[in-house]
Amino acid sequence: MGAESKPTFFWRWQDQPQSRFHIDYAFVSRDIAINWAALGDHRPYVEAGLSDHVPLLVDVSI
């Protein structure tokens, strides 16, 4: 934590450096395998006005 390179939250839908934050995390038990994780694209969510967050997608094997 703390070394995230991409923001997940755009305060008030602004894409300005002072309005970008990474605040969304997935906490997964060590017993569960993470197959892949990705952030959604800014355009279909934030630019479209649907959300000020981009989705955090995590595929796991239980």
Protein backbone atom coordinates (compact mmCIF):
# COMPACT_ATOMS: atom_id res chain seq x y z
CA MET A 1 0.00 0.00 0.00
CA GLY A 2 1.13 3.50 -0.78
CA ALA A 3 2.92 2.73 -4.06
CA GLU A 4 -0.21 2.76 -6.26
CA SER A 5 0.43 4.24 -9.69
CA LYS A 6 -3.16 4.73 -10.89
CA PRO A 7 -6.03 6.57 -9.20
CA THR A 8 -9.37 4.90 -8.54
CA PHE A 9 -11.27 7.93 -7.24
CA PHE A 10 -11.72 11.25 -9.00
CA TRP A 11 -13.02 13.79 -6.48
CA ARG A 12 -16.18 15.40 -7.90
CA TRP A 13 -15.52 13.82 -11.31
CA GLN A 14 -12.44 15.99 -11.89
CA ASP A 15 -9.45 14.60 -13.75
CA GLN A 16 -6.97 17.05 -12.24
CA PRO A 17 -3.82 15.97 -10.37
CA GLN A 18 -5.05 17.43 -7.07
CA SER A 19 -8.38 15.56 -7.42
CA ARG A 20 -7.04 12.04 -8.10
CA PHE A 21 -6.71 9.49 -5.32
CA HIS A 22 -6.26 5.75 -4.95
CA ILE A 23 -8.69 4.73 -2.21
CA ASP A 24 -10.18 1.44 -3.43
CA TYR A 25 -8.61 -1.82 -2.31
CA ALA A 26 -9.47 -5.52 -2.28
CA PHE A 27 -8.44 -7.42 0.81
CA VAL A 28 -8.16 -11.12 0.09
CA SER A 29 -7.34 -13.95 2.49
CA ARG A 30 -4.02 -15.70 1.94
CA ASP A 31 -6.04 -18.88 1.39
CA ILE A 32 -7.53 -17.46 -1.81
CA ALA A 33 -5.48 -17.27 -5.03
CA ILE A 34 -5.64 -14.03 -7.01
CA ASN A 35 -5.64 -14.85 -10.73
CA TRP A 36 -5.58 -11.24 -11.90
CA ALA A 37 -6.55 -7.73 -10.85
CA ALA A 38 -7.23 -4.64 -12.97
CA LEU A 39 -8.67 -1.15 -12.79
CA GLY A 40 -11.47 -0.10 -15.10
CA ASP A 41 -10.98 2.67 -17.62
CA HIS A 42 -11.67 6.29 -16.67
CA ARG A 43 -13.73 7.08 -19.78
CA PRO A 44 -16.82 4.82 -19.46
CA TYR A 45 -17.28 5.49 -15.76
CA VAL A 46 -15.99 8.91 -14.72
CA GLU A 47 -16.15 10.82 -18.01
CA ALA A 48 -19.61 9.37 -18.67
CA GLY A 49 -20.78 10.67 -15.27
CA LEU A 50 -21.75 7.21 -13.97
CA SER A 51 -19.39 7.26 -10.98
CA ASP A 52 -16.45 9.16 -9.54
CA HIS A 53 -14.73 5.78 -9.00
CA VAL A 54 -13.35 3.38 -11.57
CA PRO A 55 -14.09 -0.29 -10.83
CA LEU A 56 -11.49 -2.51 -9.21
CA LEU A 57 -11.80 -5.98 -10.73
CA VAL A 58 -10.31 -9.00 -8.98
CA ASP A 59 -10.58 -12.57 -10.25
CA VAL A 60 -9.95 -15.17 -7.54
CA SER A 61 -9.86 -18.94 -7.20
CA ILE A 62 -11.49 -20.30 -4.08
